[in-house]
Amino acid sequence: MRNLCMGLSVPEDLSVIGFDDVRECETFVPALTTIKQDHGQRAALAVKMLYQLKNGGVDKNVRLPVTLITRDSVRSVNMHKK
């Protein structure tokens, strides 16, 4: 897709990645590559952390697994020069 303002094309000139895998990601042209989280797991952890906070302490560093959903807005790039 050619951007008329900048003269750039996705993904030929520029790769684009979104976050949260909203429903519209698949309908964009080109379809948007995105990072997906498990919303149920995130909600359950939030409830657990609120309970911990109420009872005196909470983990400050939390990491949840994510998944890369590859669609048409990125392409492979060879970073090694021959």
PDB file of N, CA and C in Angstrom:
ATOM      1  N   MET A   1       0.848  -1.186   0.000  1.00  0.00           N
ATOM      2  CA  MET A   1       0.000   0.000   0.000  1.00  0.00           C
ATOM      3  C   MET A   1       0.888   1.241   0.000  1.00  0.00           C
ATOM      4  N   ARG A   2       0.704   2.126  -0.928  1.00  0.00           N
ATOM      5  CA  ARG A   2       1.518   3.322  -1.073  1.00  0.00           C
ATOM      6  C   ARG A   2       0.914   4.458  -0.245  1.00  0.00           C
ATOM      7  N   ASN A   3       1.727   5.105   0.595  1.00  0.00           N
ATOM      8  CA  ASN A   3       1.304   6.267   1.357  1.00  0.00           C
ATOM      9  C   ASN A   3       1.593   7.496   0.508  1.00  0.00           C
ATOM     10  N   LEU A   4       0.570   8.216   0.114  1.00  0.00           N
ATOM     11  CA  LEU A   4       0.738   9.349  -0.798  1.00  0.00           C
ATOM     12  C   LEU A   4       1.498  10.504  -0.176  1.00  0.00           C
ATOM     13  N   CYS A   5       1.425  10.660   1.135  1.00  0.00           N
ATOM     14  CA  CYS A   5       2.105  11.779   1.786  1.00  0.00           C
ATOM     15  C   CYS A   5       3.605  11.567   1.900  1.00  0.00           C
ATOM     16  N   MET A   6       4.033  10.378   2.221  1.00  0.00           N
ATOM     17  CA  MET A   6       5.438  10.124   2.486  1.00  0.00           C
ATOM     18  C   MET A   6       6.130   9.379   1.356  1.00  0.00           C
ATOM     19  N   GLY A   7       5.378   8.816   0.434  1.00  0.00           N
ATOM     20  CA  GLY A   7       5.978   8.049  -0.638  1.00  0.00           C
ATOM     21  C   GLY A   7       6.519   6.700  -0.188  1.00  0.00           C
ATOM     22  N   LEU A   8       6.054   6.214   0.965  1.00  0.00           N
ATOM     23  CA  LEU A   8       6.514   4.938   1.499  1.00  0.00           C
ATOM     24  C   LEU A   8       5.443   3.877   1.316  1.00  0.00           C
ATOM     25  N   SER A   9       5.893   2.632   1.246  1.00  0.00           N
ATOM     26  CA  SER A   9       4.981   1.517   1.068  1.00  0.00           C
ATOM     27  C   SER A   9       5.167   0.515   2.201  1.00  0.00           C
ATOM     28  N   VAL A  10       4.042   0.031   2.738  1.00  0.00           N
ATOM     29  CA  VAL A  10       4.059  -0.986   3.792  1.00  0.00           C
ATOM     30  C   VAL A  10       3.721  -2.311   3.148  1.00  0.00           C
ATOM     31  N   PRO A  11       4.503  -3.338   3.295  1.00  0.00           N
ATOM     32  CA  PRO A  11       5.717  -3.482   4.092  1.00  0.00           C
ATOM     33  C   PRO A  11       7.004  -3.323   3.286  1.00  0.00           C
ATOM     34  N   GLU A  12       6.933  -2.926   2.032  1.00  0.00           N
ATOM     35  CA  GLU A  12       8.140  -2.858   1.201  1.00  0.00           C
ATOM     36  C   GLU A  12       9.188  -1.898   1.761  1.00  0.00           C
ATOM     37  N   ASP A  13       8.765  -0.723   2.245  1.00  0.00           N
ATOM     38  CA  ASP A  13       9.706   0.273   2.762  1.00  0.00           C
ATOM     39  C   ASP A  13       9.719   0.353   4.288  1.00  0.00           C
ATOM     40  N   LEU A  14       8.616  -0.043   4.900  1.00  0.00           N
ATOM     41  CA  LEU A  14       8.434   0.154   6.335  1.00  0.00           C
ATOM     42  C   LEU A  14       7.533  -0.939   6.881  1.00  0.00           C
ATOM     43  N   SER A  15       7.989  -1.633   7.930  1.00  0.00           N
ATOM     44  CA  SER A  15       7.148  -2.631   8.593  1.00  0.00           C
ATOM     45  C   SER A  15       6.399  -1.969   9.733  1.00  0.00           C
ATOM     46  N   VAL A  16       5.150  -2.388   9.963  1.00  0.00           N
ATOM     47  CA  VAL A  16       4.309  -1.806  11.007  1.00  0.00           C
ATOM     48  C   VAL A  16       3.756  -2.935  11.864  1.00  0.00           C
ATOM     49  N   ILE A  17       3.852  -2.765  13.188  1.00  0.00           N
ATOM     50  CA  ILE A  17       3.329  -3.750  14.128  1.00  0.00           C
ATOM     51  C   ILE A  17       2.444  -3.040  15.140  1.00  0.00           C
ATOM     52  N   GLY A  18       1.269  -3.607  15.394  1.00  0.00           N
ATOM     53  CA  GLY A  18       0.356  -3.070  16.397  1.00  0.00           C
ATOM     54  C   GLY A  18       0.444  -3.862  17.693  1.00  0.00           C
ATOM     55  N   PHE A  19      -0.459  -3.558  18.616  1.00  0.00           N
ATOM     56  CA  PHE A  19      -0.482  -4.248  19.904  1.00  0.00           C
ATOM     57  C   PHE A  19      -1.922  -4.510  20.312  1.00  0.00           C
ATOM     58  N   ASP A  20      -2.184  -5.660  20.868  1.00  0.00           N
ATOM     59  CA  ASP A  20      -3.464  -6.100  21.432  1.00  0.00           C
ATOM     60  C   ASP A  20      -4.360  -6.833  20.448  1.00  0.00           C
ATOM     61  N   ASP A  21      -3.973  -6.991  19.213  1.00  0.00           N
ATOM     62  CA  ASP A  21      -4.723  -7.774  18.227  1.00  0.00           C
ATOM     63  C   ASP A  21      -6.212  -7.434  18.219  1.00  0.00           C
ATOM     64  N   VAL A  22      -6.518  -6.149  18.108  1.00  0.00           N
ATOM     65  CA  VAL A  22      -7.926  -5.753  17.994  1.00  0.00           C
ATOM     66  C   VAL A  22      -8.503  -6.294  16.692  1.00  0.00           C
ATOM     67  N   ARG A  23      -9.785  -6.471  16.652  1.00  0.00           N
ATOM     68  CA  ARG A  23     -10.471  -7.094  15.515  1.00  0.00           C
ATOM     69  C   ARG A  23     -10.147  -6.424  14.183  1.00  0.00           C
ATOM     70  N   GLU A  24      -9.976  -5.119  14.187  1.00  0.00           N
ATOM     71  CA  GLU A  24      -9.737  -4.369  12.951  1.00  0.00           C
ATOM     72  C   GLU A  24      -8.387  -4.681  12.310  1.00  0.00           C
ATOM     73  N   CYS A  25      -7.454  -5.259  13.070  1.00  0.00           N
ATOM     74  CA  CYS A  25      -6.117  -5.564  12.533  1.00  0.00           C
ATOM     75  C   CYS A  25      -6.193  -6.408  11.266  1.00  0.00           C
ATOM     76  N   GLU A  26      -7.145  -7.317  11.219  1.00  0.00           N
ATOM     77  CA  GLU A  26      -7.271  -8.192  10.052  1.00  0.00           C
ATOM     78  C   GLU A  26      -7.898  -7.481   8.860  1.00  0.00           C
ATOM     79  N   THR A  27      -8.652  -6.416   9.107  1.00  0.00           N
ATOM     80  CA  THR A  27      -9.354  -5.746   8.015  1.00  0.00           C
ATOM     81  C   THR A  27      -8.550  -4.617   7.376  1.00  0.00           C
ATOM     82  N   PHE A  28      -7.472  -4.164   8.040  1.00  0.00           N
ATOM     83  CA  PHE A  28      -6.623  -3.138   7.450  1.00  0.00           C
ATOM     84  C   PHE A  28      -5.970  -3.680   6.183  1.00  0.00           C
ATOM     85  N   VAL A  29      -5.615  -2.765   5.282  1.00  0.00           N
ATOM     86  CA  VAL A  29      -4.884  -3.152   4.078  1.00  0.00           C
ATOM     87  C   VAL A  29      -3.568  -2.397   4.083  1.00  0.00           C
ATOM     88  N   PRO A  30      -2.448  -3.092   4.238  1.00  0.00           N
ATOM     89  CA  PRO A  30      -2.316  -4.531   4.452  1.00  0.00           C
ATOM     90  C   PRO A  30      -2.721  -4.907   5.878  1.00  0.00           C
ATOM     91  N   ALA A  31      -3.079  -6.182   6.082  1.00  0.00           N
ATOM     92  CA  ALA A  31      -3.470  -6.666   7.416  1.00  0.00           C
ATOM     93  C   ALA A  31      -2.321  -6.423   8.394  1.00  0.00           C
ATOM     94  N   LEU A  32      -2.658  -5.908   9.584  1.00  0.00           N
ATOM     95  CA  LEU A  32      -1.666  -5.457  10.548  1.00  0.00           C
ATOM     96  C   LEU A  32      -1.122  -6.595  11.401  1.00  0.00           C
ATOM     97  N   THR A  33       0.190  -6.766  11.378  1.00  0.00           N
ATOM     98  CA  THR A  33       0.869  -7.677  12.298  1.00  0.00           C
ATOM     99  C   THR A  33       0.712  -7.097  13.693  1.00  0.00           C
ATOM    100  N   THR A  34       0.552  -7.951  14.698  1.00  0.00           N
ATOM    101  CA  THR A  34       0.261  -7.445  16.033  1.00  0.00           C
ATOM    102  C   THR A  34       0.785  -8.374  17.115  1.00  0.00           C
ATOM    103  N   ILE A  35       0.854  -7.853  18.311  1.00  0.00           N
ATOM    104  CA  ILE A  35       1.197  -8.624  19.499  1.00  0.00           C
ATOM    105  C   ILE A  35      -0.112  -8.923  20.229  1.00  0.00           C
ATOM    106  N   LYS A  36      -0.339 -10.190  20.568  1.00  0.00           N
ATOM    107  CA  LYS A  36      -1.584 -10.596  21.224  1.00  0.00           C
ATOM    108  C   LYS A  36      -1.308 -11.035  22.652  1.00  0.00           C
ATOM    109  N   GLN A  37      -2.142 -10.556  23.573  1.00  0.00           N
ATOM    110  CA  GLN A  37      -2.108 -10.986  24.964  1.00  0.00           C
ATOM    111  C   GLN A  37      -3.349 -11.819  25.264  1.00  0.00           C
ATOM    112  N   ASP A  38      -3.254 -12.660  26.264  1.00  0.00           N
ATOM    113  CA  ASP A  38      -4.420 -13.402  26.743  1.00  0.00           C
ATOM    114  C   ASP A  38      -5.177 -12.481  27.695  1.00  0.00           C
ATOM    115  N   HIS A  39      -6.301 -11.922  27.233  1.00  0.00           N
ATOM    116  CA  HIS A  39      -7.040 -10.944  28.043  1.00  0.00           C
ATOM    117  C   HIS A  39      -7.610 -11.569  29.311  1.00  0.00           C
ATOM    118  N   GLY A  40      -8.019 -12.833  29.245  1.00  0.00           N
ATOM    119  CA  GLY A  40      -8.526 -13.516  30.438  1.00  0.00           C
ATOM    120  C   GLY A  40      -7.443 -13.657  31.492  1.00  0.00           C
ATOM    121  N   GLN A  41      -6.250 -14.031  31.069  1.00  0.00           N
ATOM    122  CA  GLN A  41      -5.128 -14.177  31.993  1.00  0.00           C
ATOM    123  C   GLN A  41      -4.754 -12.825  32.594  1.00  0.00           C
ATOM    124  N   ARG A  42      -4.778 -11.787  31.765  1.00  0.00           N
ATOM    125  CA  ARG A  42      -4.452 -10.445  32.247  1.00  0.00           C
ATOM    126  C   ARG A  42      -5.484  -9.979  33.278  1.00  0.00           C
ATOM    127  N   ALA A  43      -6.753 -10.244  33.018  1.00  0.00           N
ATOM    128  CA  ALA A  43      -7.811  -9.855  33.956  1.00  0.00           C
ATOM    129  C   ALA A  43      -7.686 -10.626  35.267  1.00  0.00           C
ATOM    130  N   ALA A  44      -7.427 -11.926  35.179  1.00  0.00           N
ATOM    131  CA  ALA A  44      -7.280 -12.739  36.392  1.00  0.00           C
ATOM    132  C   ALA A  44      -6.104 -12.248  37.230  1.00  0.00           C
ATOM    133  N   LEU A  45      -5.006 -11.899  36.568  1.00  0.00           N
ATOM    134  CA  LEU A  45      -3.843 -11.390  37.285  1.00  0.00           C
ATOM    135  C   LEU A  45      -4.152 -10.048  37.936  1.00  0.00           C
ATOM    136  N   ALA A  46      -4.912  -9.205  37.264  1.00  0.00           N
ATOM    137  CA  ALA A  46      -5.283  -7.905  37.835  1.00  0.00           C
ATOM    138  C   ALA A  46      -6.103  -8.089  39.108  1.00  0.00           C
ATOM    139  N   VAL A  47      -7.032  -9.023  39.086  1.00  0.00           N
ATOM    140  CA  VAL A  47      -7.854  -9.301  40.276  1.00  0.00           C
ATOM    141  C   VAL A  47      -6.961  -9.815  41.402  1.00  0.00           C
ATOM    142  N   LYS A  48      -6.055 -10.736  41.073  1.00  0.00           N
ATOM    143  CA  LYS A  48      -5.135 -11.290  42.069  1.00  0.00           C
ATOM    144  C   LYS A  48      -4.280 -10.185  42.681  1.00  0.00           C
ATOM    145  N   MET A  49      -3.782  -9.268  41.830  1.00  0.00           N
ATOM    146  CA  MET A  49      -2.943  -8.185  42.332  1.00  0.00           C
ATOM    147  C   MET A  49      -3.725  -7.209  43.201  1.00  0.00           C
ATOM    148  N   LEU A  50      -4.983  -6.956  42.857  1.00  0.00           N
ATOM    149  CA  LEU A  50      -5.820  -6.101  43.704  1.00  0.00           C
ATOM    150  C   LEU A  50      -6.029  -6.731  45.068  1.00  0.00           C
ATOM    151  N   TYR A  51      -6.248  -8.043  45.087  1.00  0.00           N
ATOM    152  CA  TYR A  51      -6.410  -8.763  46.351  1.00  0.00           C
ATOM    153  C   TYR A  51      -5.123  -8.678  47.169  1.00  0.00           C
ATOM    154  N   GLN A  52      -3.970  -8.873  46.507  1.00  0.00           N
ATOM    155  CA  GLN A  52      -2.685  -8.778  47.206  1.00  0.00           C
ATOM    156  C   GLN A  52      -2.456  -7.375  47.742  1.00  0.00           C
ATOM    157  N   LEU A  53      -2.805  -6.371  46.955  1.00  0.00           N
ATOM    158  CA  LEU A  53      -2.627  -4.984  47.372  1.00  0.00           C
ATOM    159  C   LEU A  53      -3.475  -4.677  48.598  1.00  0.00           C
ATOM    160  N   LYS A  54      -4.695  -5.179  48.599  1.00  0.00           N
ATOM    161  CA  LYS A  54      -5.607  -4.988  49.735  1.00  0.00           C
ATOM    162  C   LYS A  54      -5.042  -5.637  50.996  1.00  0.00           C
ATOM    163  N   ASN A  55      -4.301  -6.723  50.820  1.00  0.00           N
ATOM    164  CA  ASN A  55      -3.782  -7.481  51.958  1.00  0.00           C
ATOM    165  C   ASN A  55      -2.308  -7.218  52.246  1.00  0.00           C
ATOM    166  N   GLY A  56      -1.787  -6.120  51.752  1.00  0.00           N
ATOM    167  CA  GLY A  56      -0.477  -5.685  52.189  1.00  0.00           C
ATOM    168  C   GLY A  56       0.675  -5.720  51.217  1.00  0.00           C
ATOM    169  N   GLY A  57       0.591  -6.389  50.111  1.00  0.00           N
ATOM    170  CA  GLY A  57       1.738  -6.399  49.211  1.00  0.00           C
ATOM    171  C   GLY A  57       1.359  -6.890  47.833  1.00  0.00           C
ATOM    172  N   VAL A  58       2.129  -6.457  46.870  1.00  0.00           N
ATOM    173  CA  VAL A  58       1.856  -6.842  45.496  1.00  0.00           C
ATOM    174  C   VAL A  58       3.181  -6.965  44.748  1.00  0.00           C
ATOM    175  N   ASP A  59       3.261  -7.938  43.834  1.00  0.00           N
ATOM    176  CA  ASP A  59       4.451  -8.064  42.990  1.00  0.00           C
ATOM    177  C   ASP A  59       4.541  -6.841  42.084  1.00  0.00           C
ATOM    178  N   LYS A  60       5.704  -6.221  42.042  1.00  0.00           N
ATOM    179  CA  LYS A  60       5.863  -5.029  41.221  1.00  0.00           C
ATOM    180  C   LYS A  60       6.260  -5.357  39.786  1.00  0.00           C
ATOM    181  N   ASN A  61       6.894  -6.474  39.573  1.00  0.00           N
ATOM    182  CA  ASN A  61       7.325  -6.868  38.231  1.00  0.00           C
ATOM    183  C   ASN A  61       6.497  -8.050  37.763  1.00  0.00           C
ATOM    184  N   VAL A  62       5.696  -7.813  36.749  1.00  0.00           N
ATOM    185  CA  VAL A  62       4.810  -8.849  36.229  1.00  0.00           C
ATOM    186  C   VAL A  62       5.067  -8.991  34.733  1.00  0.00           C
ATOM    187  N   ARG A  63       5.176 -10.224  34.280  1.00  0.00           N
ATOM    188  CA  ARG A  63       5.333 -10.496  32.846  1.00  0.00           C
ATOM    189  C   ARG A  63       4.285 -11.517  32.441  1.00  0.00           C
ATOM    190  N   LEU A  64       3.596 -11.196  31.382  1.00  0.00           N
ATOM    191  CA  LEU A  64       2.640 -12.128  30.815  1.00  0.00           C
ATOM    192  C   LEU A  64       3.130 -12.550  29.437  1.00  0.00           C
ATOM    193  N   PRO A  65       2.871 -13.790  29.058  1.00  0.00           N
ATOM    194  CA  PRO A  65       3.291 -14.229  27.730  1.00  0.00           C
ATOM    195  C   PRO A  65       2.490 -13.522  26.642  1.00  0.00           C
ATOM    196  N   VAL A  66       3.125 -13.312  25.519  1.00  0.00           N
ATOM    197  CA  VAL A  66       2.469 -12.710  24.358  1.00  0.00           C
ATOM    198  C   VAL A  66       2.751 -13.570  23.137  1.00  0.00           C
ATOM    199  N   THR A  67       1.967 -13.356  22.096  1.00  0.00           N
ATOM    200  CA  THR A  67       2.129 -14.080  20.842  1.00  0.00           C
ATOM    201  C   THR A  67       2.221 -13.076  19.711  1.00  0.00           C
ATOM    202  N   LEU A  68       3.163 -13.287  18.808  1.00  0.00           N
ATOM    203  CA  LEU A  68       3.269 -12.447  17.619  1.00  0.00           C
ATOM    204  C   LEU A  68       2.347 -13.023  16.549  1.00  0.00           C
ATOM    205  N   ILE A  69       1.384 -12.229  16.091  1.00  0.00           N
ATOM    206  CA  ILE A  69       0.474 -12.618  15.025  1.00  0.00           C
ATOM    207  C   ILE A  69       0.981 -11.940  13.747  1.00  0.00           C
ATOM    208  N   THR A  70       1.645 -12.714  12.898  1.00  0.00           N
ATOM    209  CA  THR A  70       2.246 -12.149  11.693  1.00  0.00           C
ATOM    210  C   THR A  70       1.216 -12.068  10.576  1.00  0.00           C
ATOM    211  N   ARG A  71       1.068 -10.868  10.036  1.00  0.00           N
ATOM    212  CA  ARG A  71       0.168 -10.650   8.905  1.00  0.00           C
ATOM    213  C   ARG A  71       0.960  -9.968   7.796  1.00  0.00           C
ATOM    214  N   ASP A  72       0.319  -9.134   7.013  1.00  0.00           N
ATOM    215  CA  ASP A  72       0.947  -8.586   5.802  1.00  0.00           C
ATOM    216  C   ASP A  72       1.715  -7.280   5.988  1.00  0.00           C
ATOM    217  N   SER A  73       1.735  -6.703   7.189  1.00  0.00           N
ATOM    218  CA  SER A  73       2.348  -5.383   7.365  1.00  0.00           C
ATOM    219  C   SER A  73       3.837  -5.437   7.697  1.00  0.00           C
ATOM    220  N   VAL A  74       4.426  -6.634   7.675  1.00  0.00           N
ATOM    221  CA  VAL A  74       5.866  -6.772   7.899  1.00  0.00           C
ATOM    222  C   VAL A  74       6.452  -7.692   6.843  1.00  0.00           C
ATOM    223  N   ARG A  75       7.750  -7.584   6.663  1.00  0.00           N
ATOM    224  CA  ARG A  75       8.443  -8.508   5.775  1.00  0.00           C
ATOM    225  C   ARG A  75       9.786  -8.846   6.391  1.00  0.00           C
ATOM    226  N   SER A  76      10.380  -9.933   5.956  1.00  0.00           N
ATOM    227  CA  SER A  76      11.693 -10.344   6.440  1.00  0.00           C
ATOM    228  C   SER A  76      12.753  -9.419   5.886  1.00  0.00           C
ATOM    229  N   VAL A  77      13.763  -9.155   6.701  1.00  0.00           N
ATOM    230  CA  VAL A  77      14.869  -8.299   6.290  1.00  0.00           C
ATOM    231  C   VAL A  77      16.165  -9.056   6.568  1.00  0.00           C
ATOM    232  N   ASN A  78      17.011  -9.114   5.586  1.00  0.00           N
ATOM    233  CA  ASN A  78      18.312  -9.746   5.764  1.00  0.00           C
ATOM    234  C   ASN A  78      19.281  -8.691   6.271  1.00  0.00           C
ATOM    235  N   MET A  79      19.734  -8.844   7.511  1.00  0.00           N
ATOM    236  CA  MET A  79      20.606  -7.847   8.140  1.00  0.00           C
ATOM    237  C   MET A  79      22.088  -8.094   7.883  1.00  0.00           C
ATOM    238  N   HIS A  80      22.443  -9.226   7.306  1.00  0.00           N
ATOM    239  CA  HIS A  80      23.844  -9.565   7.103  1.00  0.00           C
ATOM    240  C   HIS A  80      24.283  -9.195   5.689  1.00  0.00           C
ATOM    241  N   LYS A  81      25.354  -8.436   5.610  1.00  0.00           N
ATOM    242  CA  LYS A  81      25.900  -8.066   4.300  1.00  0.00           C
ATOM    243  C   LYS A  81      26.903  -9.117   3.879  1.00  0.00           C
ATOM    244  N   LYS A  82      26.927  -9.412   2.608  1.00  0.00           N
ATOM    245  CA  LYS A  82      27.876 -10.399   2.082  1.00  0.00           C
ATOM    246  C   LYS A  82      29.148  -9.741   1.634  1.00  0.00           C
TER     247      LYS A  82
END
